[in-house]
N, C-alpha and C. Protein backbone atom coordinates (compact mmCIF):
# COMPACT_ATOMS: atom_id res chain seq x y z
N UNK A 1 86.68 109.54 78.72
CA UNK A 1 87.15 109.41 79.80
C UNK A 1 87.85 108.32 80.32
N UNK A 2 89.10 108.38 80.52
CA UNK A 2 90.17 107.52 80.83
C UNK A 2 89.77 106.86 82.26
N UNK A 3 89.08 105.38 82.87
CA UNK A 3 89.01 105.63 84.24
C UNK A 3 89.34 103.92 84.37
N UNK A 4 90.26 104.83 85.54
CA UNK A 4 90.82 103.29 86.20
C UNK A 4 89.66 103.04 87.10
N UNK A 5 89.29 101.03 87.13
CA UNK A 5 88.90 100.93 88.73
C UNK A 5 89.33 99.71 88.90
N UNK A 6 89.25 99.99 90.80
CA UNK A 6 90.10 99.83 91.57
C UNK A 6 89.46 98.68 92.55
N UNK A 7 89.69 98.16 92.75
CA UNK A 7 88.26 96.63 93.92
C UNK A 7 89.37 96.25 95.06
N UNK A 8 88.66 96.42 95.56
CA UNK A 8 89.37 95.48 96.65
C UNK A 8 88.12 94.33 97.43
N UNK A 9 88.40 92.63 96.87
CA UNK A 9 87.64 92.12 97.32
C UNK A 9 87.59 89.98 98.43
N UNK A 10 86.14 90.51 99.05
CA UNK A 10 86.71 88.76 99.52
C UNK A 10 86.12 87.49 99.17
N UNK A 11 84.70 87.95 98.26
CA UNK A 11 84.08 86.94 98.17
C UNK A 11 83.79 87.11 96.47
N UNK A 12 83.67 87.62 96.19
CA UNK A 12 83.54 88.56 94.05
C UNK A 12 82.63 89.26 94.44
N UNK A 13 81.95 89.89 94.97
CA UNK A 13 80.76 90.24 94.81
C UNK A 13 81.13 91.80 94.25
N UNK A 14 82.42 92.47 94.96
CA UNK A 14 83.34 93.63 95.20
C UNK A 14 84.33 93.94 93.31
N UNK A 15 84.37 92.16 93.21
CA UNK A 15 85.47 92.48 91.86
C UNK A 15 84.06 92.18 90.76
N UNK A 16 82.89 91.37 90.52
CA UNK A 16 82.31 91.87 89.62
C UNK A 16 81.71 93.41 89.52
N UNK A 17 81.02 93.77 90.48
CA UNK A 17 80.64 94.96 90.34
C UNK A 17 81.82 96.04 88.91
N UNK A 18 83.16 95.26 90.17
CA UNK A 18 84.49 96.35 89.00
C UNK A 18 84.29 95.99 87.81
N UNK A 19 84.40 94.71 87.03
CA UNK A 19 84.49 94.16 86.02
C UNK A 19 83.11 94.80 85.20
N UNK A 20 82.10 95.01 85.80
CA UNK A 20 80.82 95.53 85.40
C UNK A 20 80.79 97.01 84.64
N UNK A 21 81.92 97.71 85.91
CA UNK A 21 82.27 98.63 85.37
C UNK A 21 82.96 99.47 84.65
N UNK A 22 83.91 98.15 85.07
CA UNK A 22 84.63 99.23 83.98
C UNK A 22 84.45 98.61 81.93
N UNK A 23 83.38 97.20 82.32
CA UNK A 23 83.46 97.05 80.65
C UNK A 23 82.99 97.83 80.01
N UNK A 24 81.24 99.16 80.99
CA UNK A 24 80.80 99.68 80.93
C UNK A 24 81.41 101.13 80.17
N UNK A 25 82.15 101.49 80.96
CA UNK A 25 83.14 103.09 80.45
C UNK A 25 84.51 102.17 80.39
N UNK A 26 84.96 101.37 79.66
CA UNK A 26 86.07 101.10 79.17
C UNK A 26 87.39 101.36 79.99
N UNK A 27 87.14 101.29 80.75
CA UNK A 27 88.63 101.53 81.86
C UNK A 27 89.23 100.25 82.18
N UNK A 28 89.87 100.04 83.09
CA UNK A 28 91.53 99.54 83.20
C UNK A 28 90.42 98.60 84.94
N UNK A 29 89.97 97.84 84.62
CA UNK A 29 90.38 96.94 86.27
C UNK A 29 91.28 96.83 86.49
N UNK A 30 91.67 96.58 87.88
CA UNK A 30 92.52 96.55 88.98
C UNK A 30 92.42 96.05 90.36
N UNK A 31 93.34 95.25 91.38
CA UNK A 31 93.34 95.20 92.57
C UNK A 31 93.61 96.43 93.03
N UNK A 32 93.64 96.42 94.76
CA UNK A 32 94.36 97.66 95.01
C UNK A 32 96.45 97.43 95.21
N UNK A 33 96.40 95.98 94.56
CA UNK A 33 97.65 95.51 94.74
C UNK A 33 98.60 96.52 93.35
N UNK A 34 97.79 95.64 92.42
CA UNK A 34 98.00 96.10 90.68
C UNK A 34 98.29 97.53 90.60
N UNK A 35 97.39 98.59 91.96
CA UNK A 35 97.06 100.18 91.33
C UNK A 35 98.34 100.43 92.20
N UNK A 36 98.66 99.65 93.19
CA UNK A 36 99.98 100.16 93.83
C UNK A 36 101.39 100.52 93.07
N UNK A 37 101.17 99.45 91.85
CA UNK A 37 102.19 98.95 91.43
C UNK A 37 102.49 99.62 90.13
N UNK A 38 101.17 101.07 89.77
CA UNK A 38 101.22 101.52 88.90
C UNK A 38 100.91 103.27 88.72
N UNK A 39 100.84 103.97 88.09
CA UNK A 39 101.50 105.39 88.40
C UNK A 39 99.72 105.94 87.44
N UNK A 40 98.43 106.04 88.01
CA UNK A 40 98.00 106.63 88.16
C UNK A 40 97.19 107.58 87.09
N UNK A 41 98.85 108.58 86.91
CA UNK A 41 98.64 110.20 87.19
C UNK A 41 97.81 110.63 85.65
N UNK A 42 97.31 109.62 85.08
CA UNK A 42 97.19 109.92 83.61
C UNK A 42 95.50 109.41 83.22
N UNK A 43 95.07 108.93 84.48
CA UNK A 43 93.57 108.63 83.93
C UNK A 43 93.01 110.11 84.33
N UNK A 44 91.74 109.90 84.03
CA UNK A 44 90.28 110.97 84.66
C UNK A 44 89.77 111.51 85.70
N UNK A 45 89.21 109.68 85.64
CA UNK A 45 88.68 109.08 86.80
C UNK A 45 88.95 109.01 87.49
N UNK A 46 89.03 107.97 89.11
CA UNK A 46 89.13 107.26 89.24
C UNK A 46 88.18 106.44 90.96
N UNK A 47 87.61 105.11 90.50
CA UNK A 47 86.80 104.78 90.83
C UNK A 47 87.37 104.20 91.79
N UNK A 48 86.93 103.55 93.27
CA UNK A 48 87.25 102.55 94.21
C UNK A 48 86.06 101.53 94.67
N UNK A 49 86.68 100.82 94.50
CA UNK A 49 84.75 99.54 94.75
C UNK A 49 85.96 98.89 96.46
N UNK A 50 85.04 98.77 97.65
CA UNK A 50 85.01 98.13 98.89
C UNK A 50 84.28 97.34 98.91
N UNK A 51 84.39 96.45 100.09
CA UNK A 51 83.10 95.59 101.14
C UNK A 51 83.19 96.05 102.20
N UNK A 52 82.05 95.67 102.55
CA UNK A 52 81.44 97.02 103.57
C UNK A 52 81.67 95.66 104.74
N UNK A 53 81.75 95.97 105.97
CA UNK A 53 81.90 95.09 107.57
C UNK A 53 82.20 96.07 108.13
N UNK A 54 80.58 96.03 109.30
CA UNK A 54 80.50 96.38 110.40
C UNK A 54 81.44 98.07 110.17
N UNK A 55 80.47 98.33 109.48
CA UNK A 55 80.23 100.17 108.89
C UNK A 55 81.45 100.78 108.14
N UNK A 56 82.05 99.70 108.31
CA UNK A 56 83.05 100.63 107.12
C UNK A 56 83.59 99.82 105.53
N UNK A 57 84.03 100.13 104.80
CA UNK A 57 84.71 99.97 103.92
C UNK A 57 86.15 99.42 103.34
N UNK A 58 86.38 98.34 102.82
CA UNK A 58 87.59 98.15 102.80
C UNK A 58 88.42 98.31 102.18
N UNK A 59 90.15 98.67 103.05
CA UNK A 59 91.26 99.67 101.70
C UNK A 59 90.74 100.83 101.27
N UNK A 60 89.11 101.21 101.94
CA UNK A 60 88.67 102.66 101.73
C UNK A 60 89.99 103.90 102.61
N UNK A 61 90.90 103.67 103.29
CA UNK A 61 91.78 104.22 104.01
C UNK A 61 92.80 104.44 102.66
N UNK A 62 93.32 103.60 102.00
CA UNK A 62 94.24 103.43 101.30
C UNK A 62 93.39 104.91 100.03
N UNK A 63 92.61 104.53 99.58
CA UNK A 63 91.58 105.76 99.01
C UNK A 63 92.18 106.64 98.92
N UNK A 64 91.63 106.66 100.28
CA UNK A 64 91.20 108.39 100.20
C UNK A 64 92.86 109.41 101.01
N UNK A 65 93.71 108.63 101.27
CA UNK A 65 94.64 108.44 101.18
C UNK A 65 95.61 109.37 99.89
N UNK A 66 95.58 108.13 98.75
CA UNK A 66 95.98 108.73 97.89
C UNK A 66 94.74 109.74 96.82
N UNK A 67 93.10 109.64 97.10
CA UNK A 67 92.45 110.63 96.66
C UNK A 67 93.70 112.59 96.46
N UNK A 68 94.10 112.09 98.12
CA UNK A 68 95.20 113.60 97.75
C UNK A 68 95.58 114.45 96.58
N UNK A 69 96.29 113.00 95.41
CA UNK A 69 96.82 113.80 94.79
C UNK A 69 96.49 113.56 93.47
N UNK A 70 94.77 113.73 93.19
CA UNK A 70 93.94 112.80 92.41
C UNK A 70 92.76 114.65 93.09
N UNK A 71 94.05 115.14 93.30
CA UNK A 71 92.47 116.39 92.58
C UNK A 71 91.59 117.25 92.08
N UNK A 72 92.65 116.67 90.71
CA UNK A 72 92.20 116.49 89.23
C UNK A 72 91.82 116.49 88.25
N UNK A 73 91.02 115.25 89.54
CA UNK A 73 89.98 113.95 88.48
C UNK A 73 88.60 113.32 89.80
N UNK A 74 87.89 113.33 89.26
CA UNK A 74 86.57 112.48 89.32
C UNK A 74 86.84 111.39 90.43
N UNK A 75 87.05 111.20 91.20
CA UNK A 75 86.57 110.44 92.66
C UNK A 75 85.52 109.36 92.72
N UNK A 76 85.36 108.55 92.62
CA UNK A 76 84.21 107.39 92.52
C UNK A 76 84.10 106.29 93.21
N UNK A 77 83.62 106.10 94.96
CA UNK A 77 83.78 105.60 95.58
C UNK A 77 82.16 104.46 95.52
N UNK A 78 82.47 103.57 95.76
CA UNK A 78 80.94 102.50 95.02
C UNK A 78 81.49 101.31 96.87
N UNK A 79 80.90 100.99 97.56
CA UNK A 79 80.51 99.84 98.09
C UNK A 79 79.58 98.90 98.05
N UNK A 80 80.00 97.71 98.35
CA UNK A 80 80.00 95.74 97.78
C UNK A 80 79.27 96.10 99.41
N UNK A 81 77.66 96.14 100.12
CA UNK A 81 77.70 94.83 101.14
C UNK A 81 76.09 94.01 100.98
N UNK A 82 76.08 93.50 102.23
CA UNK A 82 74.14 92.92 102.08
C UNK A 82 73.91 93.09 102.15
N UNK A 83 73.47 94.18 102.22
CA UNK A 83 71.81 95.03 102.28
C UNK A 83 71.75 95.30 100.76
N UNK A 84 69.84 95.16 101.52
CA UNK A 84 69.53 95.19 99.85
C UNK A 84 69.25 97.10 100.10
N UNK A 85 69.16 97.43 99.04
CA UNK A 85 69.58 98.77 98.54
C UNK A 85 68.28 99.79 99.58
N UNK A 86 67.63 99.15 99.47
CA UNK A 86 65.18 100.23 99.93
C UNK A 86 66.50 99.75 101.94
N UNK A 87 67.47 99.87 102.21
CA UNK A 87 67.77 99.82 103.59
C UNK A 87 67.87 100.64 104.12
N UNK A 88 67.08 101.61 105.18
CA UNK A 88 67.10 103.28 105.45
C UNK A 88 68.19 103.86 105.76
N UNK A 89 69.06 103.10 106.69
CA UNK A 89 70.47 102.90 107.24
C UNK A 89 71.98 103.41 106.09
N UNK A 90 71.65 102.34 104.65
CA UNK A 90 72.80 102.71 103.46
C UNK A 90 73.30 104.31 103.74
N UNK A 91 72.68 105.32 103.66
CA UNK A 91 73.03 106.24 103.62
C UNK A 91 74.17 107.16 104.54
N UNK A 92 73.24 107.00 106.08
CA UNK A 92 73.38 107.03 107.18
C UNK A 92 75.50 106.64 107.23
N UNK A 93 75.25 105.26 107.45
CA UNK A 93 76.48 104.37 107.26
C UNK A 93 77.48 104.50 106.35
N UNK A 94 77.38 104.64 105.00
CA UNK A 94 78.06 105.22 104.12
C UNK A 94 78.92 106.44 104.47
N UNK A 95 77.97 107.90 104.34
CA UNK A 95 78.34 108.01 105.48
C UNK A 95 79.83 109.45 106.14
N UNK A 96 79.16 108.15 107.29
CA UNK A 96 79.43 108.20 108.75
C UNK A 96 81.87 107.31 107.79
N UNK A 97 81.56 106.86 107.09
CA UNK A 97 83.18 107.24 106.21
C UNK A 97 84.07 108.10 105.76
N UNK A 98 83.55 109.45 105.83
CA UNK A 98 83.79 110.85 105.15
C UNK A 98 83.43 111.71 106.17
N UNK A 99 84.88 112.30 105.86
CA UNK A 99 85.04 113.51 106.30
C UNK A 99 84.35 114.44 105.60
N UNK A 100 82.71 116.12 105.69
CA UNK A 100 83.20 116.31 104.79
C UNK A 100 82.88 116.87 103.78
N UNK A 101 85.02 117.25 103.62
CA UNK A 101 85.52 117.34 103.03
C UNK A 101 84.84 116.51 101.82
N UNK A 102 85.50 115.18 102.35
CA UNK A 102 85.96 114.16 101.30
C UNK A 102 84.48 114.01 100.52
N UNK A 103 83.52 113.89 101.64
CA UNK A 103 81.88 113.61 100.88
C UNK A 103 81.45 114.61 99.93
N UNK A 104 82.15 115.81 100.09
CA UNK A 104 81.45 116.60 98.52
C UNK A 104 82.87 115.86 97.41
N UNK A 105 84.09 115.29 98.07
CA UNK A 105 84.73 115.34 96.40
C UNK A 105 84.12 114.36 96.08
N UNK A 106 83.75 113.24 96.40
CA UNK A 106 84.08 112.29 96.39
C UNK A 106 82.57 111.68 96.03
N UNK A 107 82.14 111.68 95.25
CA UNK A 107 80.72 110.51 94.79
C UNK A 107 80.53 109.34 95.38
N UNK A 108 79.68 108.93 96.15
CA UNK A 108 79.80 107.29 97.05
C UNK A 108 78.17 106.86 96.62
N UNK A 109 78.51 105.69 96.38
CA UNK A 109 77.58 104.66 96.03
C UNK A 109 77.25 103.18 96.23
N UNK A 110 76.58 102.60 96.30
CA UNK A 110 76.21 101.40 97.90
C UNK A 110 75.36 100.28 95.89
N UNK A 111 75.58 99.40 96.10
CA UNK A 111 75.96 98.17 95.65
C UNK A 111 75.69 97.29 96.13
N UNK A 112 74.62 96.65 96.31
CA UNK A 112 73.90 95.63 97.27
C UNK A 112 74.82 94.07 96.61
N UNK A 113 75.67 93.17 97.50
CA UNK A 113 76.39 92.35 96.73
C UNK A 113 75.28 90.30 97.79
N UNK A 114 75.64 90.58 98.84
CA UNK A 114 75.16 89.46 99.52
C UNK A 114 75.98 88.79 100.01
N UNK A 115 75.87 87.63 100.37
CA UNK A 115 77.05 86.50 100.77
C UNK A 115 77.25 86.36 100.86
N UNK A 116 78.85 85.68 100.74
CA UNK A 116 79.55 83.79 99.63
C UNK A 116 79.57 83.30 101.31
N UNK A 117 79.46 82.49 102.23
CA UNK A 117 80.76 81.67 103.22
C UNK A 117 81.20 80.95 102.82
N UNK A 118 81.21 80.69 101.63
CA UNK A 118 82.22 79.34 101.57
C UNK A 118 83.37 80.33 101.35
N UNK A 119 83.57 81.10 100.76
CA UNK A 119 84.79 82.36 100.39
C UNK A 119 85.57 83.45 101.76
N UNK A 120 84.51 82.96 102.64
CA UNK A 120 84.53 84.64 103.20
C UNK A 120 86.36 83.80 104.18
N UNK A 121 86.61 84.59 105.10
CA UNK A 121 87.94 84.56 105.49
C UNK A 121 87.43 84.10 106.87
N UNK A 122 88.13 82.94 107.52
CA UNK A 122 87.62 82.41 108.99
C UNK A 122 86.80 83.14 109.90
N UNK A 123 88.11 84.18 109.99
CA UNK A 123 87.17 85.06 110.96
C UNK A 123 86.25 85.95 110.81
N UNK A 124 86.25 86.38 109.30
CA UNK A 124 85.00 87.05 108.77
C UNK A 124 83.39 86.16 108.87
N UNK A 125 83.71 84.81 108.86
CA UNK A 125 83.03 83.91 109.27
C UNK A 125 82.22 83.78 110.23
N UNK A 126 83.35 83.45 111.74
CA UNK A 126 82.72 83.47 112.86
C UNK A 126 82.39 84.99 112.94
N UNK A 127 82.39 85.73 112.90
CA UNK A 127 82.08 87.44 113.59
C UNK A 127 80.85 87.12 112.93
N UNK A 128 80.30 87.62 111.19
CA UNK A 128 79.23 87.21 110.96
C UNK A 128 78.05 86.04 111.85
N UNK A 129 78.18 85.20 111.99
CA UNK A 129 77.44 84.48 112.83
C UNK A 129 77.31 84.39 114.38
N UNK A 130 78.62 85.45 114.82
CA UNK A 130 78.02 85.85 116.40
C UNK A 130 77.27 86.75 116.18
N UNK A 131 76.86 88.01 114.65
CA UNK A 131 76.17 88.99 114.90
C UNK A 131 74.85 87.84 114.43
N UNK A 132 75.12 87.38 113.21
CA UNK A 132 73.10 86.78 113.03
C UNK A 132 72.61 85.63 114.42
N UNK A 133 73.75 84.81 115.53
CA UNK A 133 72.92 84.37 116.03
C UNK A 133 72.48 85.47 118.18
N UNK A 134 72.92 87.33 117.30
CA UNK A 134 72.92 87.96 118.43
C UNK A 134 71.33 88.86 117.24
N UNK A 135 71.23 88.72 116.35
CA UNK A 135 70.33 89.19 115.65
C UNK A 135 68.64 88.53 116.43
N UNK A 136 69.42 87.26 116.17
CA UNK A 136 68.08 86.11 116.34
C UNK A 136 67.27 86.13 117.39
N UNK A 137 68.51 86.25 118.29
CA UNK A 137 67.73 86.70 120.45
C UNK A 137 67.22 87.74 120.62
N UNK A 138 67.08 88.64 119.69
CA UNK A 138 66.06 90.25 119.51
C UNK A 138 64.49 90.12 118.83
N UNK A 139 63.97 89.97 119.54
CA UNK A 139 61.84 89.70 118.93
C UNK A 139 61.67 90.27 118.05
N UNK A 140 61.84 91.75 117.68
CA UNK A 140 61.33 92.85 116.87
C UNK A 140 61.36 91.65 115.35
N UNK A 141 61.14 91.96 114.41
CA UNK A 141 60.32 91.12 113.31
C UNK A 141 61.39 91.65 112.32
N UNK A 142 61.51 92.98 112.66
CA UNK A 142 62.70 92.93 111.11
C UNK A 142 64.10 92.53 111.65
N UNK A 143 64.33 92.85 112.75
CA UNK A 143 65.94 92.02 112.89
C UNK A 143 65.29 90.05 112.80
N UNK A 144 64.83 89.87 113.34
CA UNK A 144 64.18 88.74 113.23
C UNK A 144 64.98 87.73 111.84
N UNK A 145 64.35 88.45 110.81
CA UNK A 145 64.25 88.80 109.12
C UNK A 145 65.07 88.85 108.19
N UNK A 146 65.78 90.12 109.61
CA UNK A 146 67.24 90.06 108.50
C UNK A 146 68.43 88.81 109.44
N UNK A 147 67.97 88.20 110.45
CA UNK A 147 68.71 87.46 111.12
C UNK A 147 68.43 85.75 109.86
N UNK A 148 67.23 85.82 109.90
CA UNK A 148 66.68 84.91 109.27
C UNK A 148 67.75 84.89 107.34
N UNK A 149 67.32 86.20 106.62
CA UNK A 149 68.44 86.30 105.26
C UNK A 149 70.43 85.74 105.61
N UNK A 150 70.56 86.99 106.55
CA UNK A 150 72.35 86.94 106.75
C UNK A 150 72.53 84.97 107.13
N UNK A 151 71.61 84.26 108.03
CA UNK A 151 71.88 83.45 107.86
C UNK A 151 72.28 82.35 107.14
N UNK A 152 72.39 82.63 105.75
CA UNK A 152 73.37 81.09 104.01
C UNK A 152 73.28 82.35 103.80
N UNK A 153 74.50 81.98 102.62
CA UNK A 153 75.00 82.42 101.05
C UNK A 153 73.69 83.21 100.19
N UNK A 154 73.69 84.14 99.72
CA UNK A 154 72.79 84.25 99.08
C UNK A 154 73.49 86.00 98.50
N UNK A 155 72.83 86.21 96.77
CA UNK A 155 72.83 86.69 95.92
C UNK A 155 72.03 87.80 94.70
N UNK A 156 72.89 89.00 95.52
CA UNK A 156 71.52 89.98 95.34
C UNK A 156 71.89 90.81 94.38
N UNK A 157 73.45 90.60 93.98
CA UNK A 157 73.81 91.72 92.88
C UNK A 157 72.69 91.98 92.15
N UNK A 158 73.25 92.67 91.23
CA UNK A 158 72.70 93.52 89.69
C UNK A 158 73.30 94.11 88.67
N UNK A 159 73.66 93.85 87.18
CA UNK A 159 74.23 94.89 87.02
C UNK A 159 73.98 96.39 86.79
N UNK A 160 72.41 96.17 87.39
CA UNK A 160 71.23 97.33 87.11
C UNK A 160 71.85 98.57 87.95
N UNK A 161 72.68 97.83 89.81
CA UNK A 161 72.65 99.01 90.08
C UNK A 161 74.06 99.76 89.87
N UNK A 162 74.65 99.30 88.57
CA UNK A 162 76.01 100.02 88.37
C UNK A 162 75.64 100.99 87.89
N UNK A 163 74.28 101.46 87.26
CA UNK A 163 73.87 102.71 85.87
C UNK A 163 74.45 103.79 86.53
N UNK A 164 73.35 104.49 87.59
CA UNK A 164 74.25 105.44 88.78
C UNK A 164 75.95 105.91 88.45
N UNK A 165 76.48 105.27 88.78
CA UNK A 165 78.03 105.30 89.07
C UNK A 165 78.47 104.79 87.66
N UNK A 166 77.92 104.49 86.10
CA UNK A 166 78.33 105.11 84.55
C UNK A 166 77.80 106.30 84.81
N UNK A 167 76.26 106.91 84.87
CA UNK A 167 76.24 108.12 84.82
C UNK A 167 77.06 108.95 84.65
N UNK A 168 77.20 109.41 86.67
CA UNK A 168 78.31 110.22 87.26
C UNK A 168 79.49 110.19 86.42
N UNK A 169 79.93 108.89 85.98
CA UNK A 169 81.29 109.39 85.04
C UNK A 169 81.06 109.10 83.83
N UNK A 170 80.14 109.70 83.28
CA UNK A 170 80.00 109.65 81.58
C UNK A 170 79.58 111.34 81.55
N UNK A 171 79.63 111.38 83.15
CA UNK A 171 78.67 113.19 83.47
C UNK A 171 79.97 114.39 83.58
N UNK A 172 79.12 115.43 83.00
CA UNK A 172 80.56 116.46 82.31
C UNK A 172 81.16 117.23 83.85
């Protein structure tokens, strides 16, 4: 199956997953900017990776507009965020990014990434610091733990998280 793996990445986590996926399925890995210049009609599967921020997946609108043309292709989206995979709110958060029709036609996955304050844009860094301060003011143990985790850079990405994506792509 000829696969295009398209991504947008701010700090490198989404790019790393794109490289791992394309390596595993012998696909072509490219940024959104590169994909915009290509004819993708020769691919059997299109994988899109975007990073999560404030409940949305970056550049997902670009993918969804293009996906209308790809009715005959397998469509996969993976979102990369700072939350561990065990976060019970992840599925609900991902689901909010899609209509019922889109959800039925696109396989959606989540891959834990992390935070890299050093590579974030200034706006993103300020927004994250404000969010951490807001969390830290709350009294719940869960929010205190989250504030502590989000207060500095960390990496929880792992190649093992691409297994369900690869399995989906290899399934008939």
